[in-house]
Amino acid sequence: MLLSLLVSIIGSIVVSEIVFSFTEHQMHSRVMHKKTLPKWFYKKYPIFEDIFEGHAIRHHGIWYRDFDFEPNEAGRNDNIRFRTLDVIIIMTCLLPINALFFAVSPICGITFIVMLLIHGNVWNTIHTQMHLPTPAFFSNWGIYKWLAVHHYMHHQFTNKNYNIVFPLADYILGTKIPARRKDIRELLRLGYIEPKSARTKLILAKLRSQIATKREQQLALVS
């Protein structure tokens, strides 16, 4: 009985995350970056127009010219986290799949819902940390840095690296792009990769100091 329960829960967790990876990928690429729905749909449901404009136009086009810094207070938290309405839309889209989980067993259906909420919370947490870095217990974890590099490259190529939490879909659907040699300097500054020599550490410290001074000046101008 206990073994069967554990198998159901673990299996549901694994399958749920696979579903969420592909759902996140498709919603990010087809809803947040492109207007693939009919014009009448956007008129009838303006929230989808807002999602597209908030992400493709404002988050990628106006704000966050620097990956980890936005001087304008109005743009600092714009499209950084899923809103309650966004979560409701995602949950509604996933209702048929959730029904299939419940058809297998109630515990599978409940696990699916719990994992969706956890996935959304992790998405919000790490996406916020990437763009608004603060001291966090996970910021030096290898898995976080790997995901941060993955997302940094999405900001260089908005048609690549759509996943934030679990980039399985990016690999399978061919939208994964690795960091290039020209990205190394910025990834070093961000702390996502470690310098390999004392000389590089000194150069990096000087660069970070210069950028910190520049950002203080930018904040002073907009305050």
N, C-alpha and C. Protein backbone atom coordinates (compact mmCIF):
# COMPACT_ATOMS: atom_id res chain seq x y z
N MET A 1 0.83 -1.21 0.00
CA MET A 1 0.00 0.00 0.00
C MET A 1 0.87 1.26 0.00
N LEU A 2 1.84 1.30 0.94
CA LEU A 2 2.73 2.46 1.03
C LEU A 2 3.59 2.58 -0.22
N LEU A 3 4.10 1.43 -0.69
CA LEU A 3 4.94 1.44 -1.89
C LEU A 3 4.15 1.93 -3.10
N SER A 4 2.91 1.47 -3.22
CA SER A 4 2.05 1.90 -4.32
C SER A 4 1.79 3.40 -4.27
N LEU A 5 1.60 3.91 -3.05
CA LEU A 5 1.37 5.35 -2.87
C LEU A 5 2.60 6.15 -3.29
N LEU A 6 3.77 5.68 -2.86
CA LEU A 6 5.02 6.38 -3.19
C LEU A 6 5.27 6.37 -4.70
N VAL A 7 5.00 5.24 -5.34
CA VAL A 7 5.17 5.14 -6.79
C VAL A 7 4.23 6.11 -7.50
N SER A 8 2.99 6.21 -7.02
CA SER A 8 2.01 7.13 -7.62
C SER A 8 2.46 8.58 -7.48
N ILE A 9 2.96 8.92 -6.30
CA ILE A 9 3.39 10.31 -6.05
C ILE A 9 4.62 10.64 -6.88
N ILE A 10 5.63 9.77 -6.82
CA ILE A 10 6.87 10.03 -7.56
C ILE A 10 6.62 10.07 -9.06
N GLY A 11 5.82 9.12 -9.54
CA GLY A 11 5.49 9.11 -10.97
C GLY A 11 4.74 10.36 -11.39
N SER A 12 3.82 10.81 -10.53
CA SER A 12 3.05 12.02 -10.83
C SER A 12 3.94 13.25 -10.84
N ILE A 13 4.92 13.29 -9.93
CA ILE A 13 5.85 14.42 -9.88
C ILE A 13 6.65 14.49 -11.18
N VAL A 14 7.18 13.35 -11.61
CA VAL A 14 8.00 13.31 -12.82
C VAL A 14 7.19 13.70 -14.05
N VAL A 15 6.03 13.09 -14.21
CA VAL A 15 5.20 13.38 -15.39
C VAL A 15 4.70 14.82 -15.35
N SER A 16 4.36 15.31 -14.16
CA SER A 16 3.90 16.70 -14.03
C SER A 16 4.96 17.67 -14.50
N GLU A 17 6.20 17.46 -14.08
CA GLU A 17 7.27 18.37 -14.47
C GLU A 17 7.54 18.33 -15.97
N ILE A 18 7.39 17.16 -16.56
CA ILE A 18 7.53 17.07 -18.02
C ILE A 18 6.43 17.89 -18.70
N VAL A 19 5.20 17.75 -18.20
CA VAL A 19 4.08 18.53 -18.73
C VAL A 19 4.33 20.02 -18.57
N PHE A 20 4.79 20.42 -17.39
CA PHE A 20 5.02 21.85 -17.12
C PHE A 20 6.13 22.40 -17.99
N SER A 21 7.15 21.60 -18.25
CA SER A 21 8.26 22.06 -19.10
C SER A 21 7.76 22.41 -20.49
N PHE A 22 6.95 21.53 -21.07
CA PHE A 22 6.42 21.78 -22.41
C PHE A 22 5.36 22.88 -22.40
N THR A 23 4.57 22.95 -21.33
CA THR A 23 3.56 24.01 -21.22
C THR A 23 4.23 25.37 -21.12
N GLU A 24 5.24 25.47 -20.25
CA GLU A 24 5.99 26.72 -20.09
C GLU A 24 6.63 27.14 -21.40
N HIS A 25 7.23 26.18 -22.08
CA HIS A 25 7.90 26.46 -23.36
C HIS A 25 6.92 27.00 -24.39
N GLN A 26 5.78 26.35 -24.54
CA GLN A 26 4.82 26.75 -25.55
C GLN A 26 4.12 28.07 -25.22
N MET A 27 3.80 28.27 -23.95
CA MET A 27 3.16 29.53 -23.56
C MET A 27 4.15 30.69 -23.68
N HIS A 28 5.39 30.42 -23.31
CA HIS A 28 6.41 31.47 -23.40
C HIS A 28 6.66 31.85 -24.86
N SER A 29 6.75 30.85 -25.72
CA SER A 29 7.06 31.13 -27.12
C SER A 29 5.86 31.62 -27.92
N ARG A 30 4.67 31.07 -27.67
CA ARG A 30 3.51 31.35 -28.51
C ARG A 30 2.56 32.41 -27.95
N VAL A 31 2.65 32.67 -26.65
CA VAL A 31 1.76 33.66 -26.03
C VAL A 31 2.52 34.89 -25.57
N MET A 32 3.69 34.68 -24.96
CA MET A 32 4.44 35.79 -24.38
C MET A 32 5.36 36.49 -25.39
N HIS A 33 5.75 35.77 -26.45
CA HIS A 33 6.66 36.36 -27.45
C HIS A 33 6.03 36.55 -28.82
N LYS A 34 4.92 35.90 -29.08
CA LYS A 34 4.27 36.02 -30.39
C LYS A 34 2.76 36.18 -30.21
N LYS A 35 2.14 36.81 -31.19
CA LYS A 35 0.68 36.92 -31.21
C LYS A 35 0.17 35.90 -32.23
N THR A 36 0.01 34.68 -31.79
CA THR A 36 -0.37 33.59 -32.68
C THR A 36 -1.88 33.33 -32.70
N LEU A 37 -2.61 34.00 -31.82
CA LEU A 37 -4.06 33.78 -31.73
C LEU A 37 -4.79 34.73 -32.67
N PRO A 38 -6.04 34.43 -33.04
CA PRO A 38 -6.81 35.32 -33.93
C PRO A 38 -7.01 36.70 -33.30
N LYS A 39 -7.15 37.73 -34.15
CA LYS A 39 -7.30 39.10 -33.66
C LYS A 39 -8.52 39.25 -32.76
N TRP A 40 -9.61 38.55 -33.11
CA TRP A 40 -10.83 38.66 -32.31
C TRP A 40 -10.61 38.15 -30.89
N PHE A 41 -9.70 37.17 -30.76
CA PHE A 41 -9.42 36.60 -29.45
C PHE A 41 -8.78 37.64 -28.53
N TYR A 42 -7.84 38.41 -29.08
CA TYR A 42 -7.17 39.44 -28.28
C TYR A 42 -8.14 40.56 -27.90
N LYS A 43 -9.10 40.84 -28.78
CA LYS A 43 -10.10 41.86 -28.47
C LYS A 43 -11.06 41.39 -27.38
N LYS A 44 -11.42 40.13 -27.45
CA LYS A 44 -12.36 39.57 -26.48
C LYS A 44 -11.69 39.30 -25.14
N TYR A 45 -10.41 38.91 -25.18
CA TYR A 45 -9.67 38.59 -23.96
C TYR A 45 -8.39 39.44 -23.92
N PRO A 46 -8.52 40.72 -23.58
CA PRO A 46 -7.36 41.64 -23.62
C PRO A 46 -6.22 41.26 -22.69
N ILE A 47 -6.48 40.37 -21.74
CA ILE A 47 -5.40 39.94 -20.85
C ILE A 47 -4.27 39.30 -21.65
N PHE A 48 -4.58 38.64 -22.77
CA PHE A 48 -3.55 38.00 -23.58
C PHE A 48 -2.72 39.04 -24.34
N GLU A 49 -3.35 40.14 -24.72
CA GLU A 49 -2.62 41.27 -25.32
C GLU A 49 -1.67 41.86 -24.28
N ASP A 50 -2.16 41.98 -23.05
CA ASP A 50 -1.35 42.53 -21.96
C ASP A 50 -0.16 41.62 -21.65
N ILE A 51 -0.39 40.31 -21.68
CA ILE A 51 0.71 39.37 -21.43
C ILE A 51 1.79 39.51 -22.49
N PHE A 52 1.38 39.59 -23.76
CA PHE A 52 2.34 39.75 -24.85
C PHE A 52 3.11 41.06 -24.73
N GLU A 53 2.39 42.16 -24.54
CA GLU A 53 3.05 43.47 -24.46
C GLU A 53 3.95 43.56 -23.23
N GLY A 54 3.47 43.02 -22.11
CA GLY A 54 4.26 43.08 -20.89
C GLY A 54 5.57 42.34 -21.01
N HIS A 55 5.56 41.23 -21.72
CA HIS A 55 6.77 40.42 -21.81
C HIS A 55 7.62 40.77 -23.03
N ALA A 56 7.05 40.63 -24.21
CA ALA A 56 7.84 40.82 -25.45
C ALA A 56 8.27 42.26 -25.65
N ILE A 57 7.38 43.20 -25.32
CA ILE A 57 7.67 44.61 -25.60
C ILE A 57 8.35 45.30 -24.42
N ARG A 58 7.74 45.16 -23.22
CA ARG A 58 8.30 45.90 -22.08
C ARG A 58 9.49 45.18 -21.44
N HIS A 59 9.29 43.93 -21.03
CA HIS A 59 10.37 43.22 -20.32
C HIS A 59 11.61 43.05 -21.20
N HIS A 60 11.41 42.70 -22.46
CA HIS A 60 12.55 42.45 -23.35
C HIS A 60 12.96 43.68 -24.17
N GLY A 61 12.02 44.58 -24.43
CA GLY A 61 12.33 45.68 -25.33
C GLY A 61 12.62 47.01 -24.66
N ILE A 62 11.98 47.26 -23.51
CA ILE A 62 12.14 48.56 -22.85
C ILE A 62 12.97 48.44 -21.59
N TRP A 63 12.59 47.49 -20.73
CA TRP A 63 13.30 47.33 -19.45
C TRP A 63 14.44 46.32 -19.59
N TYR A 64 15.26 46.28 -18.57
CA TYR A 64 16.33 45.29 -18.42
C TYR A 64 17.27 45.20 -19.61
N ARG A 65 17.79 46.38 -19.98
CA ARG A 65 18.88 46.39 -20.97
C ARG A 65 20.11 45.69 -20.36
N ASP A 66 20.25 45.84 -19.04
CA ASP A 66 21.21 45.04 -18.28
C ASP A 66 20.44 43.88 -17.65
N PHE A 67 20.95 42.69 -17.76
CA PHE A 67 20.23 41.50 -17.33
C PHE A 67 19.82 41.56 -15.86
N ASP A 68 20.68 42.13 -15.01
CA ASP A 68 20.43 42.10 -13.56
C ASP A 68 20.19 43.49 -12.98
N PHE A 69 19.75 44.43 -13.81
CA PHE A 69 19.57 45.79 -13.29
C PHE A 69 18.61 46.57 -14.15
N GLU A 70 17.65 47.23 -13.49
CA GLU A 70 16.73 48.13 -14.17
C GLU A 70 16.59 49.40 -13.33
N PRO A 71 17.11 50.54 -13.81
CA PRO A 71 17.08 51.77 -13.02
C PRO A 71 15.69 52.37 -12.85
N ASN A 72 14.80 52.11 -13.80
CA ASN A 72 13.47 52.69 -13.75
C ASN A 72 12.58 51.89 -12.81
N GLU A 73 12.08 52.54 -11.78
CA GLU A 73 11.26 51.86 -10.77
C GLU A 73 10.00 51.26 -11.38
N ALA A 74 9.45 51.92 -12.39
CA ALA A 74 8.23 51.43 -13.03
C ALA A 74 8.45 50.10 -13.73
N GLY A 75 9.66 49.88 -14.22
CA GLY A 75 9.94 48.66 -14.97
C GLY A 75 10.62 47.57 -14.18
N ARG A 76 11.05 47.91 -12.96
CA ARG A 76 11.86 46.98 -12.18
C ARG A 76 11.13 45.66 -11.89
N ASN A 77 9.85 45.77 -11.56
CA ASN A 77 9.08 44.57 -11.22
C ASN A 77 8.06 44.21 -12.29
N ASP A 78 8.14 44.87 -13.43
CA ASP A 78 7.17 44.62 -14.50
C ASP A 78 7.48 43.29 -15.19
N ASN A 79 6.53 42.35 -15.11
CA ASN A 79 6.66 41.06 -15.79
C ASN A 79 7.79 40.21 -15.24
N ILE A 80 8.08 40.37 -13.97
CA ILE A 80 9.12 39.57 -13.33
C ILE A 80 8.53 38.31 -12.70
N ARG A 81 7.31 38.44 -12.18
CA ARG A 81 6.66 37.31 -11.51
C ARG A 81 5.31 37.01 -12.16
N PHE A 82 4.88 35.76 -12.05
CA PHE A 82 3.53 35.41 -12.45
C PHE A 82 2.54 36.10 -11.53
N ARG A 83 1.52 36.71 -12.10
CA ARG A 83 0.44 37.29 -11.31
C ARG A 83 -0.59 36.21 -11.02
N THR A 84 -1.50 36.50 -10.09
CA THR A 84 -2.56 35.55 -9.76
C THR A 84 -3.37 35.20 -11.00
N LEU A 85 -3.68 36.21 -11.82
CA LEU A 85 -4.46 35.97 -13.03
C LEU A 85 -3.71 35.08 -14.02
N ASP A 86 -2.40 35.26 -14.10
CA ASP A 86 -1.59 34.40 -14.97
C ASP A 86 -1.68 32.94 -14.53
N VAL A 87 -1.62 32.73 -13.21
CA VAL A 87 -1.70 31.37 -12.66
C VAL A 87 -3.06 30.75 -12.96
N ILE A 88 -4.11 31.55 -12.84
CA ILE A 88 -5.47 31.06 -13.13
C ILE A 88 -5.58 30.63 -14.59
N ILE A 89 -5.02 31.43 -15.50
CA ILE A 89 -5.04 31.10 -16.93
C ILE A 89 -4.31 29.78 -17.19
N ILE A 90 -3.13 29.64 -16.59
CA ILE A 90 -2.35 28.41 -16.78
C ILE A 90 -3.09 27.20 -16.23
N MET A 91 -3.66 27.35 -15.03
CA MET A 91 -4.40 26.24 -14.43
C MET A 91 -5.61 25.86 -15.27
N THR A 92 -6.27 26.87 -15.85
CA THR A 92 -7.42 26.60 -16.72
C THR A 92 -7.00 25.83 -17.97
N CYS A 93 -5.89 26.25 -18.57
CA CYS A 93 -5.38 25.56 -19.76
C CYS A 93 -5.00 24.11 -19.47
N LEU A 94 -4.58 23.87 -18.23
CA LEU A 94 -4.12 22.53 -17.86
C LEU A 94 -5.21 21.65 -17.26
N LEU A 95 -6.44 22.16 -17.19
CA LEU A 95 -7.53 21.39 -16.60
C LEU A 95 -7.73 20.02 -17.25
N PRO A 96 -7.71 19.92 -18.60
CA PRO A 96 -7.89 18.59 -19.21
C PRO A 96 -6.81 17.59 -18.79
N ILE A 97 -5.56 18.07 -18.69
CA ILE A 97 -4.47 17.17 -18.28
C ILE A 97 -4.63 16.81 -16.81
N ASN A 98 -5.02 17.78 -16.00
CA ASN A 98 -5.26 17.52 -14.58
C ASN A 98 -6.37 16.48 -14.40
N ALA A 99 -7.39 16.56 -15.27
CA ALA A 99 -8.49 15.59 -15.22
C ALA A 99 -7.98 14.18 -15.50
N LEU A 100 -7.02 14.06 -16.41
CA LEU A 100 -6.43 12.75 -16.70
C LEU A 100 -5.69 12.21 -15.49
N PHE A 101 -5.00 13.09 -14.77
CA PHE A 101 -4.31 12.66 -13.56
C PHE A 101 -5.31 12.17 -12.52
N PHE A 102 -6.41 12.90 -12.35
CA PHE A 102 -7.44 12.49 -11.41
C PHE A 102 -8.09 11.18 -11.85
N ALA A 103 -8.16 10.96 -13.16
CA ALA A 103 -8.74 9.72 -13.67
C ALA A 103 -7.88 8.51 -13.28
N VAL A 104 -6.56 8.74 -13.16
CA VAL A 104 -5.67 7.67 -12.71
C VAL A 104 -5.91 7.40 -11.23
N SER A 105 -5.89 8.47 -10.44
CA SER A 105 -6.20 8.36 -9.01
C SER A 105 -6.27 9.77 -8.41
N PRO A 106 -7.02 9.94 -7.32
CA PRO A 106 -7.09 11.26 -6.67
C PRO A 106 -5.72 11.77 -6.24
N ILE A 107 -4.86 10.87 -5.75
CA ILE A 107 -3.54 11.30 -5.29
C ILE A 107 -2.71 11.83 -6.44
N CYS A 108 -2.87 11.25 -7.64
CA CYS A 108 -2.15 11.75 -8.82
C CYS A 108 -2.64 13.14 -9.20
N GLY A 109 -3.95 13.34 -9.15
CA GLY A 109 -4.52 14.64 -9.47
C GLY A 109 -4.10 15.72 -8.50
N ILE A 110 -4.10 15.37 -7.21
CA ILE A 110 -3.70 16.33 -6.18
C ILE A 110 -2.21 16.65 -6.31
N THR A 111 -1.41 15.63 -6.58
CA THR A 111 0.03 15.84 -6.76
C THR A 111 0.30 16.79 -7.92
N PHE A 112 -0.46 16.65 -8.99
CA PHE A 112 -0.32 17.53 -10.16
C PHE A 112 -0.56 18.98 -9.76
N ILE A 113 -1.62 19.24 -9.00
CA ILE A 113 -1.94 20.61 -8.58
C ILE A 113 -0.85 21.16 -7.67
N VAL A 114 -0.41 20.35 -6.71
CA VAL A 114 0.64 20.79 -5.78
C VAL A 114 1.92 21.10 -6.54
N MET A 115 2.29 20.25 -7.49
CA MET A 115 3.51 20.48 -8.26
C MET A 115 3.40 21.72 -9.14
N LEU A 116 2.20 21.99 -9.65
CA LEU A 116 2.00 23.20 -10.45
C LEU A 116 2.24 24.44 -9.61
N LEU A 117 1.73 24.44 -8.38
CA LEU A 117 1.93 25.58 -7.48
C LEU A 117 3.40 25.71 -7.09
N ILE A 118 4.06 24.59 -6.84
CA ILE A 118 5.49 24.62 -6.51
C ILE A 118 6.30 25.13 -7.70
N HIS A 119 5.99 24.62 -8.89
CA HIS A 119 6.69 25.04 -10.11
C HIS A 119 6.55 26.55 -10.31
N GLY A 120 5.34 27.06 -10.14
CA GLY A 120 5.10 28.49 -10.30
C GLY A 120 5.87 29.31 -9.28
N ASN A 121 5.93 28.81 -8.05
CA ASN A 121 6.66 29.53 -7.00
C ASN A 121 8.16 29.52 -7.27
N VAL A 122 8.68 28.38 -7.73
CA VAL A 122 10.10 28.30 -8.09
C VAL A 122 10.40 29.23 -9.26
N TRP A 123 9.51 29.25 -10.25
CA TRP A 123 9.66 30.15 -11.40
C TRP A 123 9.78 31.60 -10.93
N ASN A 124 8.84 32.01 -10.09
CA ASN A 124 8.86 33.39 -9.58
C ASN A 124 10.13 33.68 -8.80
N THR A 125 10.53 32.74 -7.96
CA THR A 125 11.70 32.95 -7.10
C THR A 125 12.98 33.09 -7.90
N ILE A 126 13.24 32.16 -8.82
CA ILE A 126 14.53 32.22 -9.52
C ILE A 126 14.53 33.28 -10.61
N HIS A 127 13.39 33.55 -11.24
CA HIS A 127 13.35 34.61 -12.25
C HIS A 127 13.57 35.96 -11.59
N THR A 128 13.00 36.16 -10.41
CA THR A 128 13.23 37.40 -9.67
C THR A 128 14.69 37.52 -9.27
N GLN A 129 15.28 36.43 -8.79
CA GLN A 129 16.68 36.45 -8.38
C GLN A 129 17.61 36.74 -9.55
N MET A 130 17.28 36.26 -10.73
CA MET A 130 18.11 36.51 -11.91
C MET A 130 18.13 37.98 -12.28
N HIS A 131 16.97 38.62 -12.21
CA HIS A 131 16.87 40.01 -12.65
C HIS A 131 17.01 41.03 -11.51
N LEU A 132 16.67 40.61 -10.30
CA LEU A 132 16.79 41.49 -9.12
C LEU A 132 17.58 40.74 -8.05
N PRO A 133 18.86 40.51 -8.29
CA PRO A 133 19.64 39.67 -7.37
C PRO A 133 19.77 40.25 -5.97
N THR A 134 19.54 39.40 -4.99
CA THR A 134 19.71 39.71 -3.57
C THR A 134 20.38 38.51 -2.93
N PRO A 135 20.94 38.65 -1.72
CA PRO A 135 21.51 37.47 -1.06
C PRO A 135 20.45 36.38 -0.91
N ALA A 136 20.71 35.21 -1.46
CA ALA A 136 19.76 34.10 -1.40
C ALA A 136 20.53 32.81 -1.14
N PHE A 137 19.92 31.90 -0.39
CA PHE A 137 20.62 30.67 0.00
C PHE A 137 21.00 29.80 -1.19
N PHE A 138 20.30 29.97 -2.31
CA PHE A 138 20.53 29.11 -3.47
C PHE A 138 21.37 29.77 -4.56
N SER A 139 21.76 31.02 -4.35
CA SER A 139 22.38 31.78 -5.45
C SER A 139 23.74 31.23 -5.89
N ASN A 140 24.38 30.43 -5.04
CA ASN A 140 25.66 29.83 -5.42
C ASN A 140 25.54 28.37 -5.82
N TRP A 141 24.32 27.87 -5.84
CA TRP A 141 24.13 26.49 -6.27
C TRP A 141 24.44 26.34 -7.75
N GLY A 142 25.08 25.25 -8.10
CA GLY A 142 25.41 25.01 -9.50
C GLY A 142 24.19 24.94 -10.39
N ILE A 143 23.11 24.33 -9.90
CA ILE A 143 21.90 24.20 -10.71
C ILE A 143 21.27 25.56 -10.99
N TYR A 144 21.33 26.45 -9.98
CA TYR A 144 20.78 27.80 -10.19
C TYR A 144 21.61 28.55 -11.22
N LYS A 145 22.93 28.49 -11.11
CA LYS A 145 23.79 29.20 -12.05
C LYS A 145 23.61 28.67 -13.48
N TRP A 146 23.42 27.37 -13.59
CA TRP A 146 23.18 26.77 -14.91
C TRP A 146 21.88 27.29 -15.51
N LEU A 147 20.83 27.37 -14.70
CA LEU A 147 19.55 27.89 -15.18
C LEU A 147 19.65 29.39 -15.49
N ALA A 148 20.45 30.11 -14.70
CA ALA A 148 20.63 31.54 -14.93
C ALA A 148 21.34 31.80 -16.26
N VAL A 149 22.34 31.00 -16.56
CA VAL A 149 23.02 31.11 -17.86
C VAL A 149 22.03 30.81 -18.99
N HIS A 150 21.22 29.79 -18.77
CA HIS A 150 20.21 29.40 -19.76
C HIS A 150 19.27 30.58 -20.04
N HIS A 151 18.82 31.24 -18.97
CA HIS A 151 17.89 32.36 -19.15
C HIS A 151 18.59 33.60 -19.69
N TYR A 152 19.84 33.82 -19.29
CA TYR A 152 20.61 34.94 -19.84
C TYR A 152 20.67 34.85 -21.36
N MET A 153 20.87 33.64 -21.86
CA MET A 153 20.94 33.46 -23.31
C MET A 153 19.59 33.70 -23.98
N HIS A 154 18.50 33.48 -23.24
CA HIS A 154 17.18 33.82 -23.79
C HIS A 154 17.08 35.32 -24.03
N HIS A 155 17.72 36.11 -23.17
CA HIS A 155 17.68 37.56 -23.35
C HIS A 155 18.59 38.01 -24.49
N GLN A 156 19.48 37.15 -24.92
CA GLN A 156 20.29 37.45 -26.11
C GLN A 156 19.58 36.98 -27.38
N PHE A 157 18.86 35.89 -27.26
CA PHE A 157 18.11 35.31 -28.39
C PHE A 157 16.71 34.98 -27.90
N THR A 158 15.76 35.86 -28.16
CA THR A 158 14.43 35.68 -27.58
C THR A 158 13.63 34.54 -28.23
N ASN A 159 14.19 33.92 -29.25
CA ASN A 159 13.54 32.75 -29.85
C ASN A 159 14.22 31.45 -29.40
N LYS A 160 15.00 31.55 -28.34
CA LYS A 160 15.70 30.38 -27.80
C LYS A 160 15.53 30.35 -26.27
N ASN A 161 15.81 29.18 -25.68
CA ASN A 161 15.86 29.02 -24.22
C ASN A 161 14.61 29.57 -23.52
N TYR A 162 13.47 29.02 -23.87
CA TYR A 162 12.21 29.50 -23.31
C TYR A 162 11.97 29.04 -21.88
N ASN A 163 12.52 27.91 -21.50
CA ASN A 163 12.27 27.38 -20.16
C ASN A 163 13.06 28.13 -19.10
N ILE A 164 12.48 28.20 -17.91
CA ILE A 164 13.14 28.83 -16.77
C ILE A 164 13.52 27.78 -15.73
N VAL A 165 12.60 26.90 -15.38
CA VAL A 165 12.77 25.97 -14.27
C VAL A 165 13.34 24.62 -14.70
N PHE A 166 12.80 24.05 -15.77
CA PHE A 166 13.17 22.70 -16.19
C PHE A 166 13.24 22.68 -17.71
N PRO A 167 14.42 22.95 -18.29
CA PRO A 167 14.53 23.16 -19.74
C PRO A 167 14.52 21.90 -20.61
N LEU A 168 13.79 20.89 -20.20
CA LEU A 168 13.69 19.67 -21.00
C LEU A 168 13.12 19.98 -22.39
N ALA A 169 12.06 20.78 -22.44
CA ALA A 169 11.42 21.09 -23.72
C ALA A 169 12.36 21.83 -24.66
N ASP A 170 13.20 22.71 -24.13
CA ASP A 170 14.17 23.42 -24.98
C ASP A 170 15.10 22.44 -25.68
N TYR A 171 15.53 21.42 -24.95
CA TYR A 171 16.43 20.42 -25.55
C TYR A 171 15.71 19.58 -26.59
N ILE A 172 14.51 19.12 -26.25
CA ILE A 172 13.78 18.22 -27.15
C ILE A 172 13.27 18.96 -28.40
N LEU A 173 12.83 20.20 -28.23
CA LEU A 173 12.26 20.96 -29.35
C LEU A 173 13.29 21.76 -30.13
N GLY A 174 14.56 21.64 -29.73
CA GLY A 174 15.63 22.26 -30.51
C GLY A 174 15.78 23.76 -30.31
N THR A 175 15.32 24.28 -29.18
CA THR A 175 15.45 25.73 -28.94
C THR A 175 16.50 26.04 -27.87
N LYS A 176 17.32 25.07 -27.53
CA LYS A 176 18.40 25.30 -26.58
C LYS A 176 19.59 25.91 -27.29
N ILE A 177 20.12 27.01 -26.72
CA ILE A 177 21.34 27.61 -27.27
C ILE A 177 22.33 27.81 -26.12
N PRO A 178 23.58 27.38 -26.28
CA PRO A 178 24.56 27.54 -25.21
C PRO A 178 25.18 28.94 -25.23
N ALA A 179 25.89 29.26 -24.16
CA ALA A 179 26.61 30.53 -24.11
C ALA A 179 27.73 30.54 -25.14
N ARG A 180 28.00 31.72 -25.70
CA ARG A 180 29.06 31.88 -26.68
C ARG A 180 30.30 32.45 -25.99
N ARG A 181 31.41 32.43 -26.70
CA ARG A 181 32.64 32.99 -26.14
C ARG A 181 32.46 34.46 -25.77
N LYS A 182 31.71 35.22 -26.59
CA LYS A 182 31.51 36.64 -26.33
C LYS A 182 30.65 36.91 -25.10
N ASP A 183 29.96 35.88 -24.59
CA ASP A 183 29.12 36.05 -23.40
C ASP A 183 29.89 35.82 -22.11
N ILE A 184 31.09 35.27 -22.19
CA ILE A 184 31.83 34.85 -21.00
C ILE A 184 32.08 36.01 -20.05
N ARG A 185 32.47 37.16 -20.59
CA ARG A 185 32.78 38.32 -19.74
C ARG A 185 31.59 38.71 -18.88
N GLU A 186 30.41 38.77 -19.48
CA GLU A 186 29.22 39.16 -18.73
C GLU A 186 28.79 38.07 -17.76
N LEU A 187 28.94 36.83 -18.15
CA LEU A 187 28.58 35.72 -17.25
C LEU A 187 29.52 35.66 -16.06
N LEU A 188 30.78 36.04 -16.27
CA LEU A 188 31.72 36.16 -15.15
C LEU A 188 31.28 37.28 -14.21
N ARG A 189 30.92 38.42 -14.78
CA ARG A 189 30.49 39.56 -13.96
C ARG A 189 29.25 39.21 -13.14
N LEU A 190 28.34 38.48 -13.76
CA LEU A 190 27.11 38.09 -13.07
C LEU A 190 27.35 37.04 -12.00
N GLY A 191 28.51 36.40 -12.04
CA GLY A 191 28.83 35.37 -11.06
C GLY A 191 28.31 34.00 -11.41
N TYR A 192 27.87 33.82 -12.65
CA TYR A 192 27.32 32.53 -13.07
C TYR A 192 28.40 31.53 -13.44
N ILE A 193 29.58 32.03 -13.78
CA ILE A 193 30.74 31.16 -13.96
C ILE A 193 31.88 31.77 -13.15
N GLU A 194 32.81 30.93 -12.71
CA GLU A 194 33.88 31.36 -11.82
C GLU A 194 35.15 31.69 -12.60
N PRO A 195 35.87 32.76 -12.21
CA PRO A 195 37.15 33.08 -12.85
C PRO A 195 38.19 32.01 -12.52
N LYS A 196 39.07 31.73 -13.46
CA LYS A 196 40.04 30.65 -13.27
C LYS A 196 41.43 31.13 -12.90
N SER A 197 41.64 32.44 -12.87
CA SER A 197 42.97 32.94 -12.53
C SER A 197 42.84 34.17 -11.63
N ALA A 198 43.93 34.46 -10.90
CA ALA A 198 43.95 35.62 -10.02
C ALA A 198 43.82 36.91 -10.83
N ARG A 199 44.43 36.92 -12.01
CA ARG A 199 44.37 38.11 -12.88
C ARG A 199 42.92 38.38 -13.30
N THR A 200 42.21 37.32 -13.66
CA THR A 200 40.81 37.48 -14.07
C THR A 200 39.98 37.99 -12.90
N LYS A 201 40.28 37.51 -11.69
CA LYS A 201 39.55 37.97 -10.50
C LYS A 201 39.75 39.47 -10.28
N LEU A 202 40.98 39.95 -10.48
CA LEU A 202 41.26 41.37 -10.31
C LEU A 202 40.53 42.21 -11.36
N ILE A 203 40.57 41.75 -12.60
CA ILE A 203 39.87 42.46 -13.68
C ILE A 203 38.38 42.49 -13.41
N LEU A 204 37.86 41.37 -12.90
CA LEU A 204 36.44 41.25 -12.61
C LEU A 204 36.03 42.19 -11.48
N ALA A 205 36.86 42.28 -10.45
CA ALA A 205 36.56 43.17 -9.33
C ALA A 205 36.52 44.63 -9.79
N LYS A 206 37.46 45.00 -10.65
CA LYS A 206 37.49 46.36 -11.18
C LYS A 206 36.26 46.64 -12.03
N LEU A 207 35.89 45.68 -12.87
CA LEU A 207 34.72 45.83 -13.73
C LEU A 207 33.45 46.00 -12.90
N ARG A 208 33.29 45.17 -11.87
CA ARG A 208 32.10 45.25 -11.02
C ARG A 208 32.03 46.58 -10.29
N SER A 209 33.18 47.08 -9.87
CA SER A 209 33.23 48.38 -9.19
C SER A 209 32.80 49.50 -10.14
N GLN A 210 33.29 49.46 -11.36
CA GLN A 210 32.93 50.48 -12.35
C GLN A 210 31.43 50.45 -12.65
N ILE A 211 30.90 49.25 -12.80
CA ILE A 211 29.47 49.12 -13.11
C ILE A 211 28.62 49.55 -11.93
N ALA A 212 29.05 49.23 -10.71
CA ALA A 212 28.31 49.65 -9.52
C ALA A 212 28.24 51.17 -9.43
N THR A 213 29.36 51.84 -9.73
CA THR A 213 29.39 53.31 -9.73
C THR A 213 28.46 53.87 -10.80
N LYS A 214 28.49 53.29 -11.98
CA LYS A 214 27.63 53.73 -13.08
C LYS A 214 26.16 53.57 -12.72
N ARG A 215 25.83 52.48 -12.06
CA ARG A 215 24.44 52.22 -11.70
C ARG A 215 23.95 53.17 -10.61
N GLU A 216 24.83 53.51 -9.70
CA GLU A 216 24.47 54.50 -8.67
C GLU A 216 24.13 55.83 -9.33
N GLN A 217 24.90 56.19 -10.34
CA GLN A 217 24.63 57.44 -11.07
C GLN A 217 23.30 57.37 -11.82
N GLN A 218 23.01 56.21 -12.41
CA GLN A 218 21.74 56.03 -13.12
C GLN A 218 20.56 56.14 -12.17
N LEU A 219 20.68 55.53 -11.00
CA LEU A 219 19.60 55.59 -10.01
C LEU A 219 19.40 57.02 -9.51
N ALA A 220 20.50 57.74 -9.37
CA ALA A 220 20.41 59.14 -8.92
C ALA A 220 19.67 60.00 -9.94
N LEU A 221 19.85 59.69 -11.21
CA LEU A 221 19.20 60.47 -12.27
C LEU A 221 17.69 60.23 -12.32
N VAL A 222 17.26 59.01 -12.02
CA VAL A 222 15.83 58.69 -12.12
C VAL A 222 15.09 58.89 -10.81
N SER A 223 15.83 59.11 -9.71
CA SER A 223 15.16 59.28 -8.41
C SER A 223 14.68 60.72 -8.22
